N, C-alpha and C. Protein backbone atom coordinates (compact mmCIF):
# COMPACT_ATOMS: atom_id res chain seq x y z
N MET A 1 3.31 62.79 66.16
CA MET A 1 3.98 63.39 67.29
C MET A 1 3.96 62.42 68.47
N LEU A 2 5.05 62.37 69.17
CA LEU A 2 5.15 61.51 70.34
C LEU A 2 4.78 62.28 71.60
N TYR A 3 4.03 61.62 72.44
CA TYR A 3 3.69 62.18 73.74
C TYR A 3 4.75 61.77 74.74
N GLN A 4 5.03 62.63 75.69
CA GLN A 4 5.97 62.32 76.76
C GLN A 4 5.19 61.64 77.89
N ILE A 5 5.75 60.58 78.45
CA ILE A 5 5.11 59.86 79.55
C ILE A 5 5.67 60.36 80.87
N GLU A 6 4.77 60.74 81.79
CA GLU A 6 5.17 61.16 83.13
C GLU A 6 4.35 60.39 84.15
N PHE A 7 4.94 60.17 85.32
CA PHE A 7 4.27 59.45 86.40
C PHE A 7 4.05 60.40 87.57
N SER A 8 2.88 60.31 88.19
CA SER A 8 2.68 61.01 89.45
C SER A 8 3.49 60.27 90.51
N ARG A 9 3.72 60.90 91.65
CA ARG A 9 4.47 60.23 92.73
C ARG A 9 3.78 58.95 93.15
N GLN A 10 2.46 59.02 93.27
CA GLN A 10 1.68 57.86 93.69
C GLN A 10 1.81 56.72 92.68
N ALA A 11 1.68 57.02 91.40
CA ALA A 11 1.77 56.00 90.36
C ALA A 11 3.17 55.39 90.32
N ASP A 12 4.19 56.22 90.49
CA ASP A 12 5.56 55.72 90.49
C ASP A 12 5.78 54.74 91.65
N ARG A 13 5.28 55.09 92.81
CA ARG A 13 5.41 54.23 93.99
C ARG A 13 4.63 52.93 93.79
N GLN A 14 3.42 53.04 93.26
CA GLN A 14 2.60 51.85 93.02
C GLN A 14 3.28 50.93 92.01
N PHE A 15 3.86 51.50 90.97
CA PHE A 15 4.53 50.71 89.94
C PHE A 15 5.73 49.97 90.53
N ARG A 16 6.54 50.65 91.31
CA ARG A 16 7.75 50.03 91.89
C ARG A 16 7.43 48.92 92.88
N ASN A 17 6.25 48.95 93.49
CA ASN A 17 5.86 47.93 94.46
C ASN A 17 5.27 46.67 93.83
N LEU A 18 5.10 46.65 92.53
CA LEU A 18 4.53 45.49 91.84
C LEU A 18 5.62 44.47 91.51
N PRO A 19 5.25 43.20 91.35
CA PRO A 19 6.22 42.18 90.92
C PRO A 19 6.80 42.53 89.55
N SER A 20 8.05 42.14 89.31
CA SER A 20 8.74 42.54 88.07
C SER A 20 8.04 42.03 86.81
N GLN A 21 7.42 40.87 86.88
CA GLN A 21 6.71 40.34 85.70
C GLN A 21 5.53 41.25 85.33
N ILE A 22 4.80 41.71 86.33
CA ILE A 22 3.68 42.63 86.10
C ILE A 22 4.22 43.97 85.62
N GLN A 23 5.32 44.44 86.20
CA GLN A 23 5.92 45.70 85.78
C GLN A 23 6.26 45.68 84.29
N GLN A 24 6.80 44.59 83.80
CA GLN A 24 7.17 44.50 82.39
C GLN A 24 5.95 44.61 81.49
N ARG A 25 4.86 43.93 81.86
CA ARG A 25 3.63 44.00 81.05
C ARG A 25 3.07 45.42 81.05
N LEU A 26 3.05 46.05 82.23
CA LEU A 26 2.52 47.41 82.33
C LEU A 26 3.41 48.40 81.59
N LYS A 27 4.73 48.23 81.71
CA LYS A 27 5.67 49.16 81.07
C LYS A 27 5.48 49.17 79.56
N SER A 28 5.32 48.01 78.95
CA SER A 28 5.15 47.98 77.50
C SER A 28 3.85 48.67 77.09
N ARG A 29 2.81 48.51 77.91
CA ARG A 29 1.53 49.16 77.60
C ARG A 29 1.63 50.68 77.80
N ILE A 30 2.32 51.10 78.86
CA ILE A 30 2.50 52.53 79.12
C ILE A 30 3.33 53.17 78.02
N ASP A 31 4.40 52.50 77.59
CA ASP A 31 5.24 53.03 76.52
C ASP A 31 4.46 53.21 75.23
N SER A 32 3.50 52.34 74.97
CA SER A 32 2.70 52.46 73.74
C SER A 32 1.80 53.69 73.76
N LEU A 33 1.54 54.24 74.96
CA LEU A 33 0.71 55.45 75.06
C LEU A 33 1.41 56.67 74.45
N SER A 34 2.73 56.62 74.30
CA SER A 34 3.44 57.77 73.73
C SER A 34 3.09 57.97 72.26
N THR A 35 2.74 56.91 71.56
CA THR A 35 2.35 57.05 70.15
C THR A 35 0.84 57.13 69.98
N THR A 36 0.10 56.42 70.84
CA THR A 36 -1.35 56.42 70.75
C THR A 36 -1.92 56.63 72.15
N PRO A 37 -2.16 57.86 72.56
CA PRO A 37 -2.59 58.13 73.93
C PRO A 37 -3.99 57.60 74.28
N CYS A 38 -4.82 57.38 73.29
CA CYS A 38 -6.15 56.81 73.54
C CYS A 38 -6.33 55.58 72.65
N PRO A 39 -5.65 54.48 72.98
CA PRO A 39 -5.71 53.29 72.13
C PRO A 39 -7.06 52.60 72.20
N HIS A 40 -7.28 51.69 71.28
CA HIS A 40 -8.50 50.88 71.29
C HIS A 40 -8.56 50.13 72.62
N GLY A 41 -9.67 50.17 73.28
CA GLY A 41 -9.81 49.51 74.58
C GLY A 41 -9.69 50.45 75.76
N SER A 42 -9.19 51.67 75.52
CA SER A 42 -9.13 52.62 76.63
C SER A 42 -10.52 53.22 76.81
N GLU A 43 -10.84 53.56 78.04
CA GLU A 43 -12.15 54.15 78.33
C GLU A 43 -11.98 55.40 79.16
N LYS A 44 -12.79 56.40 78.83
CA LYS A 44 -12.80 57.63 79.62
C LYS A 44 -13.57 57.35 80.90
N LEU A 45 -13.02 57.76 82.02
CA LEU A 45 -13.69 57.54 83.30
C LEU A 45 -14.82 58.54 83.47
N SER A 46 -15.97 58.05 83.88
CA SER A 46 -17.11 58.94 84.04
C SER A 46 -16.97 59.74 85.34
N GLY A 47 -17.43 60.96 85.29
CA GLY A 47 -17.40 61.82 86.47
C GLY A 47 -16.08 62.50 86.73
N VAL A 48 -15.08 62.25 85.89
CA VAL A 48 -13.76 62.85 86.09
C VAL A 48 -13.29 63.39 84.74
N ASP A 49 -12.90 64.65 84.70
CA ASP A 49 -12.43 65.23 83.44
C ASP A 49 -11.07 64.67 83.06
N GLN A 50 -10.95 64.32 81.80
CA GLN A 50 -9.67 63.98 81.18
C GLN A 50 -8.96 62.75 81.74
N LEU A 51 -9.64 61.88 82.48
CA LEU A 51 -8.99 60.66 82.96
C LEU A 51 -9.46 59.47 82.15
N TYR A 52 -8.51 58.62 81.81
CA TYR A 52 -8.78 57.42 81.03
C TYR A 52 -8.23 56.22 81.79
N ARG A 53 -8.67 55.03 81.38
CA ARG A 53 -8.11 53.82 81.95
C ARG A 53 -7.90 52.79 80.86
N ILE A 54 -6.85 52.01 81.04
CA ILE A 54 -6.63 50.86 80.17
C ILE A 54 -6.42 49.65 81.06
N ARG A 55 -6.85 48.51 80.54
CA ARG A 55 -6.74 47.26 81.29
C ARG A 55 -5.51 46.49 80.81
N VAL A 56 -4.81 45.92 81.77
CA VAL A 56 -3.70 45.03 81.48
C VAL A 56 -3.89 43.84 82.41
N GLY A 57 -4.59 42.83 81.94
CA GLY A 57 -4.95 41.70 82.79
C GLY A 57 -5.85 42.18 83.91
N ASP A 58 -5.48 41.88 85.14
CA ASP A 58 -6.26 42.31 86.30
C ASP A 58 -5.84 43.68 86.81
N TYR A 59 -4.92 44.32 86.13
CA TYR A 59 -4.41 45.62 86.55
C TYR A 59 -4.97 46.73 85.68
N ARG A 60 -5.03 47.93 86.26
CA ARG A 60 -5.54 49.10 85.56
C ARG A 60 -4.52 50.22 85.62
N ILE A 61 -4.44 50.95 84.53
CA ILE A 61 -3.59 52.14 84.46
C ILE A 61 -4.54 53.32 84.28
N ILE A 62 -4.53 54.24 85.21
CA ILE A 62 -5.36 55.44 85.14
C ILE A 62 -4.44 56.58 84.72
N TYR A 63 -4.83 57.31 83.68
CA TYR A 63 -3.94 58.35 83.17
C TYR A 63 -4.73 59.52 82.59
N ALA A 64 -4.05 60.64 82.45
CA ALA A 64 -4.63 61.85 81.86
C ALA A 64 -3.82 62.20 80.63
N VAL A 65 -4.49 62.77 79.64
CA VAL A 65 -3.83 63.19 78.40
C VAL A 65 -3.91 64.71 78.32
N GLU A 66 -2.75 65.33 78.18
CA GLU A 66 -2.68 66.79 78.00
C GLU A 66 -2.24 67.04 76.57
N ASP A 67 -3.22 67.18 75.67
CA ASP A 67 -2.93 67.34 74.24
C ASP A 67 -2.15 68.61 73.93
N ASN A 68 -2.43 69.68 74.66
CA ASN A 68 -1.75 70.95 74.36
C ASN A 68 -0.26 70.90 74.69
N ARG A 69 0.15 70.03 75.64
CA ARG A 69 1.57 69.90 76.01
C ARG A 69 2.18 68.58 75.55
N LEU A 70 1.37 67.73 74.90
CA LEU A 70 1.81 66.41 74.44
C LEU A 70 2.37 65.57 75.59
N ILE A 71 1.57 65.46 76.65
CA ILE A 71 1.98 64.70 77.84
C ILE A 71 0.89 63.69 78.20
N VAL A 72 1.32 62.48 78.54
CA VAL A 72 0.45 61.48 79.14
C VAL A 72 0.92 61.34 80.59
N LEU A 73 0.05 61.69 81.53
CA LEU A 73 0.39 61.63 82.95
C LEU A 73 -0.28 60.40 83.56
N VAL A 74 0.53 59.43 83.98
CA VAL A 74 0.02 58.24 84.64
C VAL A 74 -0.27 58.62 86.09
N VAL A 75 -1.53 58.50 86.48
CA VAL A 75 -1.98 58.96 87.79
C VAL A 75 -1.99 57.84 88.82
N LYS A 76 -2.50 56.67 88.44
CA LYS A 76 -2.59 55.53 89.36
C LYS A 76 -2.36 54.24 88.60
N ILE A 77 -1.81 53.26 89.30
CA ILE A 77 -1.63 51.92 88.76
C ILE A 77 -1.97 50.95 89.88
N GLY A 78 -2.80 49.96 89.58
CA GLY A 78 -3.11 48.99 90.62
C GLY A 78 -4.02 47.89 90.16
N HIS A 79 -4.28 46.97 91.06
CA HIS A 79 -5.19 45.87 90.80
C HIS A 79 -6.59 46.42 90.65
N ARG A 80 -7.39 45.78 89.83
CA ARG A 80 -8.72 46.31 89.53
C ARG A 80 -9.60 46.47 90.76
N ARG A 81 -9.37 45.68 91.81
CA ARG A 81 -10.17 45.79 93.04
C ARG A 81 -9.82 47.03 93.84
N GLU A 82 -8.61 47.55 93.66
CA GLU A 82 -8.12 48.62 94.53
C GLU A 82 -7.92 49.96 93.84
N VAL A 83 -7.78 49.96 92.54
CA VAL A 83 -7.34 51.18 91.85
C VAL A 83 -8.39 52.30 91.85
N TYR A 84 -9.66 51.97 91.95
CA TYR A 84 -10.70 52.99 91.88
C TYR A 84 -11.05 53.58 93.24
N ARG A 85 -10.41 53.14 94.30
CA ARG A 85 -10.71 53.64 95.65
C ARG A 85 -10.04 54.95 95.91
């Protein structure tokens, strides 16, 4: 089953403000979440229910998986120094 990918307003804005080369790398990784929502290398964030992160170079994608609705919600996207603030 394929999961539907959705972006929060914040994640959408953060994604659009990145350079196009970085956007392409992140987009391919985000698209792969539709088939495998918890791929090898993803980590569950401690202290927060249902949030995961994947690394793409120096950038991080923070997302939630809603298994009952088959949705991957991208919550935040940013450089590793800033994304956890």
